[in-house]
């Protein structure tokens, strides 16, 4: 009887212990194999783990050499191969109904796909069981669950991706450290940080090309295990490495007034034989700026235009050509994919590189970016949100998600109301109530639809006119607009003035200014056509940097305001960046008296 009772007791204890064990929800891919990552708890054995995960004990030992050598240790992280259970095979019809299909592009990361669809990373991994999150392949098909699209915030995606990164690095048996690429990092800066060559870094990561490196990628870095089984990568204390130690610092020399400046323009004037008029216009604007420099300052400048054909190999051939020798200023290239070899050349020869158009992720002390940085985008409109303002976000059925995200970030903890606009041909009373509230109002229109935006702006105008006609004293109000409205072709722009609308723009070149009018006349005389924004940016590049090479370049162009035409540039380095970026956005105010003011 005692024997029977003891057996029953042991059985009950075992059952209770088995129920207490929980299978890990952490699943990662390591070198093409799918694993559960399990943290060993008190009382667990190889036998219990094998039962829990449905694998043989020898299989656990095979994938965990440290366990085979020393046995299980409390809180130790072990890898357990995932044994896939048979699942129902979905029909093509059900797949089409349930999922949309995403085709992977070169260098694309699972994080980027998650952000594109606003879908949780764990959902993508669950619906694509054979998907290795850090080794996506070009043209690979990924199922995206339709019901989950639009459900994940950027903060949650960041947290999911960082968590997966930490889980990979929790595995101590693999002599690999996984580096999560941050915005602005390059092949050069990462390889320099870990004390390896760029060729070694590429080989460790399936021969990844430098131009395909994207923020959010996870790179494998070979290391060695220490006595505790932890991976030590070549750069010890990597988290404490200062930015100045990973990005070379370069000192520029200003030219004497009698010296000739040698400038190279690297532009994709034509791609595969097809001319790109945008970059031809940029070049033409640069030539007009160069004429102004020569006439007004007497400097001697030698300019060579190189067609990059939007091909990194072509760019490398240009850099090694005889004609490129002794180049002192580089304008371009205009795409990130071709920037890498140019930066390497420029750092070696202390040559400034000017990116005339794009936001560049590359971080380098030789790089000057004319496009204003995103972090400073709304600095000039923060006064519209002081404590006395009543802020209302106006929504319709179609929302500009990117603009909404920007506005919510701008507002932060500032209180605001929301209003859903419904169009009515004869009734402006609903939107009129927003104006007739004795508050100093700011309205932010979230719609992405041209017709809806036009109707909202017209309704605000109409409501204001009706209320003032009836003798009401309406406090002033303003609209903070979306710069993308400039692309709308059929919108009534008089409502911009009537509603005191403010935009934040990368550039302003409306033909209501003497400098713009004079440039337009000179451009039409030289090239027989009206200039575009590309022409203006080319002119600005010449006026700022050709002149700067004779003086301000010694001070990295910092501490000065440059306004060649109407838009102002202010170059400086960010807190954690060596790149010299333009931190000045243009605030454009369309005033009620039909004037336009620029800040």
Protein backbone atom coordinates (compact mmCIF):
# COMPACT_ATOMS: atom_id res chain seq x y z
CA UNK A 1 0.00 0.00 0.00
CA UNK A 2 2.82 2.35 0.91
CA UNK A 3 4.58 1.52 -2.34
CA UNK A 4 1.42 2.29 -4.32
CA UNK A 5 0.95 5.60 -2.46
CA UNK A 6 4.57 6.62 -3.06
CA UNK A 7 4.22 5.85 -6.76
CA UNK A 8 1.03 7.88 -6.95
CA UNK A 9 2.72 10.74 -5.06
CA UNK A 10 5.72 10.77 -7.41
CA UNK A 11 3.40 10.70 -10.39
CA UNK A 12 1.43 13.66 -9.01
CA UNK A 13 4.66 15.61 -8.37
CA UNK A 14 5.88 14.87 -11.90
CA UNK A 15 2.54 15.92 -13.42
CA UNK A 16 2.52 19.14 -11.40
CA UNK A 17 6.13 19.87 -12.41
CA UNK A 18 5.33 19.17 -16.06
CA UNK A 19 2.41 21.58 -15.95
CA UNK A 20 4.65 24.23 -14.32
CA UNK A 21 7.05 24.09 -17.25
CA UNK A 22 6.26 26.48 -20.06
CA UNK A 23 7.51 26.31 -23.61
CA UNK A 24 9.47 29.39 -24.61
CA UNK A 25 7.76 31.79 -26.97
CA UNK A 26 11.13 33.04 -28.21
CA UNK A 27 12.01 31.61 -31.62
CA UNK A 28 15.06 32.68 -33.64
CA UNK A 29 16.91 31.60 -36.76
CA UNK A 30 20.62 30.90 -36.36
CA UNK A 31 22.64 29.89 -39.42
CA UNK A 32 19.50 28.75 -41.20
CA UNK A 33 18.15 26.60 -38.32
CA UNK A 34 15.07 27.51 -36.30
CA UNK A 35 15.40 27.34 -32.50
CA UNK A 36 13.47 27.95 -29.33
CA UNK A 37 15.60 29.97 -26.91
CA UNK A 38 14.97 28.54 -23.45
CA UNK A 39 16.23 29.90 -20.12
CA UNK A 40 16.84 27.00 -17.74
CA UNK A 41 14.71 27.10 -14.56
CA UNK A 42 15.25 25.35 -11.24
CA UNK A 43 14.57 21.61 -11.39
CA UNK A 44 14.64 21.32 -15.19
CA UNK A 45 16.56 18.44 -16.79
CA UNK A 46 17.46 17.35 -20.29
CA UNK A 47 14.70 14.77 -20.03
CA UNK A 48 12.04 17.35 -19.03
CA UNK A 49 13.16 19.76 -21.76
CA UNK A 50 13.06 16.98 -24.34
CA UNK A 51 9.50 16.10 -23.30
CA UNK A 52 8.43 19.75 -23.26
CA UNK A 53 9.70 20.49 -26.76
CA UNK A 54 9.22 17.05 -28.30
CA UNK A 55 12.88 16.47 -29.17
CA UNK A 56 15.49 13.87 -28.26
CA UNK A 57 17.94 14.71 -25.45
CA UNK A 58 20.86 13.99 -27.76
CA UNK A 59 19.51 16.61 -30.18
CA UNK A 60 19.65 19.21 -27.40
CA UNK A 61 23.22 18.22 -26.54
CA UNK A 62 24.25 18.33 -30.22
CA UNK A 63 23.14 21.96 -30.55
CA UNK A 64 24.48 23.04 -27.14
CA UNK A 65 28.13 21.89 -26.75
CA UNK A 66 28.51 23.77 -23.46
CA UNK A 67 25.65 21.74 -21.97
CA UNK A 68 27.22 18.52 -23.22
CA UNK A 69 30.49 19.50 -21.52
CA UNK A 70 29.22 20.91 -18.21
CA UNK A 71 25.53 20.01 -17.89
CA UNK A 72 22.56 22.34 -17.48
CA UNK A 73 23.05 25.44 -15.35
CA UNK A 74 20.38 27.59 -13.75
CA UNK A 75 19.35 30.57 -15.95
CA UNK A 76 21.57 29.29 -18.78
CA UNK A 77 20.25 29.95 -22.29
CA UNK A 78 19.95 26.85 -24.47
CA UNK A 79 18.91 26.36 -28.10
CA UNK A 80 16.28 23.74 -28.82
CA UNK A 81 15.52 22.93 -32.48
CA UNK A 82 11.93 23.64 -33.51
CA UNK A 83 10.05 20.53 -34.61
CA UNK A 84 7.35 21.79 -36.93
CA UNK A 85 3.95 20.19 -36.48
CA UNK A 86 1.90 19.43 -39.55
CA UNK A 87 -0.35 22.30 -40.40
CA UNK A 88 -3.32 22.59 -42.66
CA UNK A 89 -2.22 23.56 -46.14
CA UNK A 90 -4.14 26.65 -47.16
CA UNK A 91 -5.75 26.77 -50.56
CA UNK A 92 -4.71 29.48 -53.00
CA UNK A 93 -8.15 31.01 -52.62
CA UNK A 94 -7.82 31.22 -48.83
CA UNK A 95 -4.31 32.62 -49.10
CA UNK A 96 -5.52 35.39 -51.44
CA UNK A 97 -8.41 36.13 -49.09
CA UNK A 98 -6.32 36.19 -45.92
CA UNK A 99 -2.99 37.64 -47.06
CA UNK A 100 -1.39 40.12 -49.38
CA UNK A 101 2.03 39.19 -50.77
CA UNK A 102 5.14 41.35 -50.33
CA UNK A 103 8.14 40.91 -52.66
CA UNK A 104 11.47 41.59 -50.93
CA UNK A 105 13.67 44.32 -52.44
CA UNK A 106 17.47 44.53 -52.31
CA UNK A 107 18.69 45.23 -48.77
CA UNK A 108 15.16 45.30 -47.32
CA UNK A 109 14.76 44.27 -43.68
CA UNK A 110 11.85 42.62 -41.88
CA UNK A 111 11.70 45.73 -39.69
CA UNK A 112 11.19 47.91 -42.79
CA UNK A 113 8.42 45.60 -44.02
CA UNK A 114 6.78 45.75 -40.59
CA UNK A 115 6.81 49.55 -40.70
CA UNK A 116 5.56 49.68 -44.30
CA UNK A 117 2.44 47.67 -43.43
CA UNK A 118 2.27 48.72 -39.75
CA UNK A 119 2.05 45.05 -38.82
CA UNK A 120 3.68 43.24 -35.84
CA UNK A 121 6.96 41.47 -36.55
CA UNK A 122 5.84 38.34 -34.59
CA UNK A 123 2.80 38.12 -36.89
CA UNK A 124 5.02 38.12 -39.98
CA UNK A 125 7.21 35.41 -38.44
CA UNK A 126 4.22 33.26 -37.44
CA UNK A 127 2.59 33.47 -40.87
CA UNK A 128 5.90 32.73 -42.64
CA UNK A 129 7.36 29.83 -40.62
CA UNK A 130 10.31 29.33 -42.99
CA UNK A 131 11.27 33.01 -42.86
CA UNK A 132 14.69 33.87 -41.42
CA UNK A 133 14.10 37.45 -40.17
CA UNK A 134 17.70 38.60 -40.74
CA UNK A 135 18.43 36.79 -44.01
CA UNK A 136 15.73 37.94 -46.40
CA UNK A 137 16.39 37.12 -50.04
CA UNK A 138 15.83 39.31 -53.08
CA UNK A 139 12.37 38.67 -54.61
CA UNK A 140 11.38 36.42 -51.68
CA UNK A 141 7.61 36.32 -51.15
CA UNK A 142 6.28 37.18 -47.68
CA UNK A 143 2.66 36.74 -46.63
CA UNK A 144 1.19 39.78 -44.90
CA UNK A 145 -2.02 39.15 -42.93
CA UNK A 146 -4.60 41.70 -44.10
CA UNK A 147 -6.45 41.94 -40.77
CA UNK A 148 -3.23 42.92 -38.98
CA UNK A 149 -2.22 45.70 -41.39
CA UNK A 150 -2.27 49.09 -39.66
CA UNK A 151 -2.29 47.66 -36.12
CA UNK A 152 1.36 48.18 -35.07
CA UNK A 153 2.87 51.49 -33.94
CA UNK A 154 6.44 52.48 -34.77
CA UNK A 155 7.37 52.22 -31.08
CA UNK A 156 6.05 48.65 -30.90
CA UNK A 157 7.91 47.65 -34.08
CA UNK A 158 11.11 49.12 -32.63
CA UNK A 159 10.58 47.15 -29.41
CA UNK A 160 9.87 43.88 -31.30
CA UNK A 161 12.98 44.22 -33.45
CA UNK A 162 15.26 45.17 -30.55
CA UNK A 163 13.89 42.24 -28.56
CA UNK A 164 14.71 39.84 -31.40
CA UNK A 165 18.21 41.34 -31.59
CA UNK A 166 18.73 40.76 -27.86
CA UNK A 167 17.45 37.19 -28.15
CA UNK A 168 19.99 36.41 -30.87
CA UNK A 169 22.80 37.73 -28.71
CA UNK A 170 21.58 35.74 -25.70
CA UNK A 171 22.84 32.54 -27.37
CA UNK A 172 26.31 32.03 -25.89
CA UNK A 173 27.35 28.91 -27.77
CA UNK A 174 27.66 30.63 -31.15
CA UNK A 175 30.79 32.69 -31.64
CA UNK A 176 28.82 35.44 -33.35
CA UNK A 177 27.69 38.86 -32.23
CA UNK A 178 24.72 40.45 -34.02
CA UNK A 179 25.02 44.18 -34.70
CA UNK A 180 21.80 46.17 -35.20
CA UNK A 181 22.51 48.82 -37.83
CA UNK A 182 21.55 52.33 -36.73
CA UNK A 183 20.60 55.21 -38.97
CA UNK A 184 23.72 56.83 -40.42
CA UNK A 185 26.02 53.85 -39.98
CA UNK A 186 28.00 52.65 -42.99
CA UNK A 187 30.07 49.62 -43.93
CA UNK A 188 33.15 51.68 -43.19
CA UNK A 189 32.07 52.86 -39.73
CA UNK A 190 30.88 49.38 -38.65
CA UNK A 191 33.98 47.56 -39.89
CA UNK A 192 36.16 50.22 -38.24
CA UNK A 193 34.25 49.80 -34.99
CA UNK A 194 34.90 46.06 -34.85
CA UNK A 195 38.44 46.15 -36.19
CA UNK A 196 37.75 44.14 -39.36
CA UNK A 197 37.96 44.90 -43.06
CA UNK A 198 34.92 45.79 -45.13
CA UNK A 199 35.54 42.67 -47.22
CA UNK A 200 35.40 40.54 -44.06
CA UNK A 201 32.18 42.22 -42.96
CA UNK A 202 30.63 41.56 -46.38
CA UNK A 203 31.73 37.89 -46.37
CA UNK A 204 30.24 37.36 -42.90
CA UNK A 205 26.89 38.59 -44.19
CA UNK A 206 26.24 36.67 -47.43
CA UNK A 207 28.42 39.07 -49.48
CA UNK A 208 26.17 42.02 -48.70
CA UNK A 209 27.02 45.05 -50.85
CA UNK A 210 27.76 48.33 -49.00
CA UNK A 211 25.14 50.19 -51.05
CA UNK A 212 22.47 47.72 -49.90
CA UNK A 213 23.10 48.30 -46.18
CA UNK A 214 19.96 49.65 -44.51
CA UNK A 215 19.16 50.88 -41.01
CA UNK A 216 17.48 48.05 -39.09
CA UNK A 217 19.62 45.30 -40.65
CA UNK A 218 21.32 42.83 -38.32
CA UNK A 219 24.90 42.02 -39.25
CA UNK A 220 26.86 39.01 -38.01
CA UNK A 221 30.26 39.80 -36.46
CA UNK A 222 32.62 36.90 -35.76
CA UNK A 223 34.00 36.77 -32.23
CA UNK A 224 35.50 34.40 -29.69
CA UNK A 225 33.97 32.82 -26.61
CA UNK A 226 35.42 33.73 -23.23
CA UNK A 227 35.61 31.40 -20.23
CA UNK A 228 31.95 32.01 -19.40
CA UNK A 229 30.76 31.16 -22.90
CA UNK A 230 30.04 34.80 -23.78
CA UNK A 231 30.99 36.12 -27.21
CA UNK A 232 33.73 38.75 -27.21
CA UNK A 233 33.90 40.67 -30.49
CA UNK A 234 37.10 42.40 -31.68
CA UNK A 235 36.05 45.82 -30.37
CA UNK A 236 35.73 45.32 -26.62
CA UNK A 237 33.52 47.79 -24.76
CA UNK A 238 31.84 48.48 -28.10
CA UNK A 239 28.92 50.28 -26.44
CA UNK A 240 31.29 52.86 -24.97
CA UNK A 241 33.08 53.64 -28.24
CA UNK A 242 32.75 57.33 -28.89
CA UNK A 243 31.42 58.53 -32.21
CA UNK A 244 34.63 60.43 -32.91
CA UNK A 245 36.58 57.18 -32.83
CA UNK A 246 34.43 55.47 -35.48
CA UNK A 247 34.12 58.31 -38.03
CA UNK A 248 37.40 59.91 -39.26
CA UNK A 249 37.67 63.64 -38.59
CA UNK A 250 38.87 65.70 -41.57
CA UNK A 251 40.32 69.23 -41.70
CA UNK A 252 39.66 71.19 -44.89
CA UNK A 253 41.93 73.84 -46.37
CA UNK A 254 40.60 77.08 -47.83
CA UNK A 255 42.04 78.10 -51.21
CA UNK A 256 43.89 81.33 -51.83
CA UNK A 257 42.19 83.88 -54.07
CA UNK A 258 44.68 83.21 -56.86
CA UNK A 259 44.23 79.41 -56.85
CA UNK A 260 42.02 77.55 -59.33
CA UNK A 261 39.32 75.37 -57.79
CA UNK A 262 38.77 71.98 -59.41
CA UNK A 263 35.13 70.84 -59.05
CA UNK A 264 33.59 67.50 -60.05
CA UNK A 265 29.84 67.10 -60.54
CA UNK A 266 28.73 63.46 -60.23
CA UNK A 267 25.21 63.36 -61.67
CA UNK A 268 23.09 60.69 -63.43
CA UNK A 269 22.55 62.92 -66.44
CA UNK A 270 21.49 59.83 -68.35
CA UNK A 271 20.73 56.27 -67.26
CA UNK A 272 21.11 53.49 -69.84
CA UNK A 273 21.10 56.12 -72.58
CA UNK A 274 17.95 57.90 -71.41
CA UNK A 275 18.46 61.55 -70.41
CA UNK A 276 17.20 62.68 -67.00
CA UNK A 277 16.13 66.31 -67.37
CA UNK A 278 16.05 66.95 -63.60
CA UNK A 279 19.81 66.57 -63.19
CA UNK A 280 20.51 68.46 -66.41
CA UNK A 281 18.54 71.35 -64.88
CA UNK A 282 20.57 71.08 -61.66
CA UNK A 283 23.77 71.28 -63.72
CA UNK A 284 22.47 74.30 -65.63
CA UNK A 285 21.59 76.08 -62.37
CA UNK A 286 25.09 75.29 -61.07
CA UNK A 287 26.63 76.89 -64.17
CA UNK A 288 24.67 80.11 -63.61
CA UNK A 289 25.87 80.18 -60.00
CA UNK A 290 29.41 79.63 -61.22
CA UNK A 291 29.09 82.58 -63.63
CA UNK A 292 27.97 84.77 -60.73
CA UNK A 293 30.98 83.68 -58.63
CA UNK A 294 33.42 84.44 -61.45
CA UNK A 295 31.89 87.82 -62.33
CA UNK A 296 31.43 89.12 -58.79
CA UNK A 297 34.51 87.59 -57.11
CA UNK A 298 36.98 86.87 -59.89
CA UNK A 299 37.75 83.31 -58.77
CA UNK A 300 39.04 80.76 -61.28
CA UNK A 301 37.05 77.51 -61.30
CA UNK A 302 37.50 74.37 -63.41
CA UNK A 303 34.33 72.23 -63.54
CA UNK A 304 33.96 68.70 -64.92
CA UNK A 305 30.60 66.97 -65.28
CA UNK A 306 30.69 63.17 -64.89
CA UNK A 307 27.69 61.03 -65.80
CA UNK A 308 27.36 58.40 -63.06
CA UNK A 309 24.66 56.45 -64.94
CA UNK A 310 23.34 55.66 -61.41
CA UNK A 311 25.90 52.84 -61.32
CA UNK A 312 28.29 52.38 -58.32
CA UNK A 313 30.85 50.64 -60.56
CA UNK A 314 30.79 53.58 -62.95
CA UNK A 315 31.42 55.90 -60.02
CA UNK A 316 34.44 53.88 -58.89
CA UNK A 317 35.86 54.10 -62.43
CA UNK A 318 35.37 57.87 -62.37
CA UNK A 319 37.17 58.17 -59.02
CA UNK A 320 40.17 56.24 -60.33
CA UNK A 321 40.36 58.13 -63.63
CA UNK A 322 43.23 60.47 -64.46
CA UNK A 323 40.89 63.43 -64.98
CA UNK A 324 39.57 63.13 -61.42
CA UNK A 325 42.99 63.58 -59.83
CA UNK A 326 43.39 66.70 -57.66
CA UNK A 327 39.62 67.30 -57.45
CA UNK A 328 38.98 69.66 -54.53
CA UNK A 329 35.17 69.76 -54.34
CA UNK A 330 32.63 67.05 -55.23
CA UNK A 331 28.95 67.80 -55.91
CA UNK A 332 26.93 64.56 -55.85
CA UNK A 333 26.21 61.76 -56.31
CA UNK A 334 22.50 62.23 -55.73
CA UNK A 335 21.74 58.66 -54.59
CA UNK A 336 22.89 56.91 -51.41
CA UNK A 337 23.80 53.77 -53.39
CA UNK A 338 26.65 55.59 -55.13
CA UNK A 339 27.85 57.61 -52.16
CA UNK A 340 29.97 54.99 -50.39
CA UNK A 341 33.08 54.96 -52.68
CA UNK A 342 32.93 58.76 -52.98
CA UNK A 343 33.03 59.18 -49.20
CA UNK A 344 36.02 56.83 -48.93
CA UNK A 345 37.88 58.82 -51.61
CA UNK A 346 36.95 62.15 -49.98
CA UNK A 347 38.04 61.10 -46.49
CA UNK A 348 41.41 59.99 -47.85
CA UNK A 349 41.98 63.21 -49.79
CA UNK A 350 40.20 65.72 -47.46
CA UNK A 351 37.69 66.74 -50.12
CA UNK A 352 34.19 68.08 -49.23
CA UNK A 353 31.29 66.09 -50.72
CA UNK A 354 28.00 67.94 -51.24
CA UNK A 355 24.73 66.02 -51.42
CA UNK A 356 22.55 68.56 -53.26
CA UNK A 357 19.16 66.85 -52.99
CA UNK A 358 18.72 63.75 -50.85
CA UNK A 359 18.66 62.93 -47.14
CA UNK A 360 21.70 60.71 -46.68
CA UNK A 361 21.99 58.06 -43.97
CA UNK A 362 25.77 57.91 -44.43
CA UNK A 363 27.68 59.66 -41.65
CA UNK A 364 30.99 61.29 -42.49
CA UNK A 365 32.88 64.46 -41.62
CA UNK A 366 33.40 65.19 -45.34
CA UNK A 367 29.67 65.10 -46.16
CA UNK A 368 27.52 68.24 -46.51
CA UNK A 369 23.78 67.71 -46.95
CA UNK A 370 21.75 70.56 -48.46
CA UNK A 371 18.37 68.94 -47.74
CA UNK A 372 17.24 69.93 -44.21
CA UNK A 373 17.30 67.21 -41.55
CA UNK A 374 14.02 65.67 -40.39
CA UNK A 375 14.73 66.29 -36.70
CA UNK A 376 14.47 70.05 -37.23
CA UNK A 377 11.40 69.99 -39.47
CA UNK A 378 8.89 71.62 -37.14
CA UNK A 379 11.14 73.76 -34.95
CA UNK A 380 9.86 76.95 -36.56
CA UNK A 381 6.17 76.27 -35.91
CA UNK A 382 6.38 75.36 -32.21
CA UNK A 383 5.19 78.88 -31.37
CA UNK A 384 1.85 77.94 -32.96
CA UNK A 385 1.35 75.50 -30.07
CA UNK A 386 1.89 77.74 -27.05
CA UNK A 387 -0.31 77.38 -23.98
CA UNK A 388 -2.97 79.85 -25.19
CA UNK A 389 -3.79 77.98 -28.41
CA UNK A 390 -6.69 75.57 -28.91
CA UNK A 391 -5.45 72.82 -31.28
CA UNK A 392 -7.89 70.67 -33.27
CA UNK A 393 -6.94 67.81 -35.59
CA UNK A 394 -9.48 67.59 -38.43
CA UNK A 395 -9.95 64.07 -39.81
CA UNK A 396 -11.84 62.60 -42.76
CA UNK A 397 -12.14 59.01 -43.99
CA UNK A 398 -8.68 59.25 -45.59
CA UNK A 399 -5.75 60.06 -43.32
CA UNK A 400 -2.19 60.97 -44.27
CA UNK A 401 -0.51 58.56 -41.83
CA UNK A 402 2.97 60.07 -42.16
CA UNK A 403 1.71 63.61 -41.53
CA UNK A 404 -0.38 62.37 -38.60
CA UNK A 405 2.69 60.70 -37.07
CA UNK A 406 4.69 63.94 -37.50
CA UNK A 407 1.96 66.05 -35.89
CA UNK A 408 1.48 63.74 -32.92
CA UNK A 409 5.24 63.78 -32.33
CA UNK A 410 5.19 67.58 -32.54
CA UNK A 411 2.29 67.86 -30.11
CA UNK A 412 3.77 65.47 -27.56
CA UNK A 413 1.96 66.15 -24.27
CA UNK A 414 0.25 69.30 -25.62
CA UNK A 415 -3.57 68.95 -25.30
CA UNK A 416 -5.60 68.76 -28.50
CA UNK A 417 -9.09 67.89 -29.74
CA UNK A 418 -10.16 65.86 -32.76
CA UNK A 419 -12.97 66.59 -35.21
CA UNK A 420 -14.31 64.34 -37.95
CA UNK A 421 -15.42 66.32 -40.98
CA UNK A 422 -18.40 65.17 -43.05
CA UNK A 423 -19.11 67.06 -46.24
CA UNK A 424 -22.51 68.73 -46.58
CA UNK A 425 -23.33 70.93 -49.55
CA UNK A 426 -25.47 73.45 -47.61
CA UNK A 427 -24.30 73.22 -44.01
CA UNK A 428 -21.13 74.70 -42.52
CA UNK A 429 -22.51 74.79 -38.99
CA UNK A 430 -20.50 71.82 -37.75
CA UNK A 431 -17.14 73.20 -38.76
CA UNK A 432 -18.35 76.70 -37.82
CA UNK A 433 -18.61 75.54 -34.22
CA UNK A 434 -14.85 75.00 -34.24
CA UNK A 435 -14.26 78.66 -35.08
CA UNK A 436 -17.00 80.14 -32.89
CA UNK A 437 -15.53 79.14 -29.54
CA UNK A 438 -13.76 82.31 -28.38
CA UNK A 439 -10.40 80.55 -28.61
CA UNK A 440 -7.21 81.28 -30.49
CA UNK A 441 -7.50 78.24 -32.77
CA UNK A 442 -5.00 76.18 -34.72
CA UNK A 443 -6.44 73.60 -37.10
CA UNK A 444 -4.37 70.73 -38.49
CA UNK A 445 -5.97 68.94 -41.46
CA UNK A 446 -5.05 65.24 -41.51
CA UNK A 447 -6.71 64.22 -44.78
CA UNK A 448 -4.64 62.85 -47.66
CA UNK A 449 -7.37 63.42 -50.26
CA UNK A 450 -7.26 66.57 -52.42
CA UNK A 451 -11.04 66.95 -52.67
CA UNK A 452 -11.51 66.53 -48.92
CA UNK A 453 -8.75 69.02 -48.08
CA UNK A 454 -10.20 71.54 -50.52
CA UNK A 455 -13.68 71.14 -49.00
CA UNK A 456 -12.39 71.58 -45.43
CA UNK A 457 -10.48 74.74 -46.33
CA UNK A 458 -13.49 76.12 -48.22
CA UNK A 459 -15.80 75.26 -45.28
CA UNK A 460 -13.54 77.09 -42.83
CA UNK A 461 -13.52 80.12 -45.12
CA UNK A 462 -17.29 80.03 -45.56
CA UNK A 463 -18.00 79.55 -41.86
CA UNK A 464 -15.73 82.48 -40.95
CA UNK A 465 -17.40 84.75 -43.54
CA UNK A 466 -20.92 83.81 -42.39
CA UNK A 467 -20.17 84.35 -38.70
CA UNK A 468 -18.46 87.73 -39.19
CA UNK A 469 -21.29 88.86 -41.51
CA UNK A 470 -23.71 88.19 -38.65
CA UNK A 471 -21.69 90.46 -36.36
CA UNK A 472 -19.75 87.88 -34.37
CA UNK A 473 -16.24 88.73 -33.26
CA UNK A 474 -14.22 85.67 -34.31
CA UNK A 475 -10.77 85.27 -32.74
CA UNK A 476 -7.94 84.75 -35.22
CA UNK A 477 -7.25 81.20 -36.31
CA UNK A 478 -4.53 79.49 -38.32
CA UNK A 479 -4.18 76.29 -40.30
CA UNK A 480 -0.99 74.25 -40.10
CA UNK A 481 -0.91 72.67 -43.54
CA UNK A 482 0.79 69.68 -45.10
CA UNK A 483 3.52 70.56 -47.62
CA UNK A 484 2.22 67.76 -49.85
CA UNK A 485 -0.74 70.02 -50.65
CA UNK A 486 1.60 71.76 -53.09
CA UNK A 487 1.22 68.69 -55.32
CA UNK A 488 -2.55 69.15 -55.57
CA UNK A 489 -3.38 70.57 -58.96
CA UNK A 490 -7.05 71.48 -58.52
CA UNK A 491 -7.09 72.99 -55.05
CA UNK A 492 -8.30 76.57 -54.56
CA UNK A 493 -5.16 78.21 -53.23
CA UNK A 494 -6.94 81.44 -52.25
CA UNK A 495 -8.22 79.52 -49.22
CA UNK A 496 -4.62 79.24 -48.05
CA UNK A 497 -4.57 83.02 -47.58
CA UNK A 498 -8.09 83.27 -46.17
CA UNK A 499 -7.30 80.65 -43.52
CA UNK A 500 -3.85 82.03 -42.56
CA UNK A 501 -2.17 78.80 -43.60
CA UNK A 502 1.39 77.91 -42.62
CA UNK A 503 3.53 75.26 -44.30
CA UNK A 504 6.93 73.83 -43.44
CA UNK A 505 8.89 73.34 -46.65
CA UNK A 506 12.33 72.14 -47.70
CA UNK A 507 12.54 75.01 -50.19
CA UNK A 508 10.62 78.09 -51.29
CA UNK A 509 11.07 79.62 -54.73
CA UNK A 510 7.75 81.28 -55.61
CA UNK A 511 8.12 83.95 -58.27
CA UNK A 512 7.21 86.83 -55.93
CA UNK A 513 10.73 87.87 -55.00
CA UNK A 514 13.31 89.99 -56.84
CA UNK A 515 16.15 87.45 -56.49
CA UNK A 516 13.95 84.68 -57.93
CA UNK A 517 12.69 86.92 -60.76
CA UNK A 518 16.24 87.90 -61.74
CA UNK A 519 17.41 84.29 -61.68
CA UNK A 520 14.45 83.22 -63.81
CA UNK A 521 15.30 85.87 -66.43
CA UNK A 522 18.95 84.80 -66.57
CA UNK A 523 18.02 81.12 -66.77
CA UNK A 524 15.49 81.67 -69.58
CA UNK A 525 18.01 83.75 -71.48
CA UNK A 526 20.67 81.04 -71.19
CA UNK A 527 18.59 77.88 -71.62
CA UNK A 528 15.30 78.98 -73.18
CA UNK A 529 13.02 77.54 -70.49
CA UNK A 530 11.75 78.29 -67.00
CA UNK A 531 13.90 76.92 -64.16
CA UNK A 532 12.71 74.20 -61.76
CA UNK A 533 13.52 73.47 -58.12
CA UNK A 534 16.47 71.43 -59.42
CA UNK A 535 17.81 74.54 -61.16
CA UNK A 536 17.50 76.61 -57.99
CA UNK A 537 19.26 73.96 -55.90
CA UNK A 538 22.11 73.78 -58.44
CA UNK A 539 22.54 77.56 -58.27
CA UNK A 540 22.55 77.45 -54.46
CA UNK A 541 25.19 74.70 -54.45
CA UNK A 542 27.55 76.80 -56.55
CA UNK A 543 26.98 80.03 -54.62
CA UNK A 544 27.47 78.39 -51.23
CA UNK A 545 30.22 75.85 -51.78
CA UNK A 546 32.34 77.34 -54.57
CA UNK A 547 32.57 80.56 -52.57
CA UNK A 548 32.95 78.54 -49.38
CA UNK A 549 36.05 76.78 -50.71
CA UNK A 550 37.84 80.14 -50.58
CA UNK A 551 37.01 80.82 -46.94
CA UNK A 552 34.29 79.15 -44.85
CA UNK A 553 35.26 75.54 -45.61
CA UNK A 554 38.04 75.82 -43.00
CA UNK A 555 35.29 76.21 -40.40
CA UNK A 556 33.08 73.45 -41.88
CA UNK A 557 30.63 76.13 -43.12
CA UNK A 558 29.34 76.34 -39.54
CA UNK A 559 27.95 79.39 -37.77
CA UNK A 560 26.71 81.23 -40.88
CA UNK A 561 23.42 81.64 -42.76
CA UNK A 562 23.52 81.24 -46.53
CA UNK A 563 20.65 82.63 -48.63
CA UNK A 564 21.66 82.56 -52.31
CA UNK A 565 18.10 83.09 -53.57
CA UNK A 566 15.26 82.94 -51.04
CA UNK A 567 15.75 79.78 -48.98
CA UNK A 568 18.29 79.88 -46.16
CA UNK A 569 20.80 77.14 -45.27
CA UNK A 570 22.43 76.65 -41.87
CA UNK A 571 24.98 73.82 -41.69
CA UNK A 572 25.99 72.10 -38.49
CA UNK A 573 26.75 68.68 -37.05
CA UNK A 574 24.16 66.88 -34.95
CA UNK A 575 24.76 65.72 -31.39
CA UNK A 576 25.61 62.19 -32.53
CA UNK A 577 26.59 62.85 -36.13
CA UNK A 578 29.68 63.97 -38.03
CA UNK A 579 27.73 64.85 -41.20
CA UNK A 580 27.30 68.59 -41.84
CA UNK A 581 23.59 68.93 -42.50
CA UNK A 582 21.30 71.84 -43.22
CA UNK A 583 19.17 72.43 -40.12
CA UNK A 584 17.01 75.19 -41.58
CA UNK A 585 13.52 74.43 -42.84
CA UNK A 586 11.48 77.17 -44.48
CA UNK A 587 8.29 78.35 -42.81
CA UNK A 588 5.94 79.79 -45.41
CA UNK A 589 3.00 81.87 -44.15
CA UNK A 590 0.04 82.63 -46.43
CA UNK A 591 -1.46 85.67 -44.69
CA UNK A 592 -5.05 86.89 -44.64
CA UNK A 593 -4.02 90.09 -46.49
CA UNK A 594 -2.80 87.95 -49.44
CA UNK A 595 0.89 88.41 -48.70
CA UNK A 596 3.44 85.62 -48.31
CA UNK A 597 6.09 85.83 -45.60
CA UNK A 598 9.10 83.55 -45.19
CA UNK A 599 10.78 82.59 -41.93
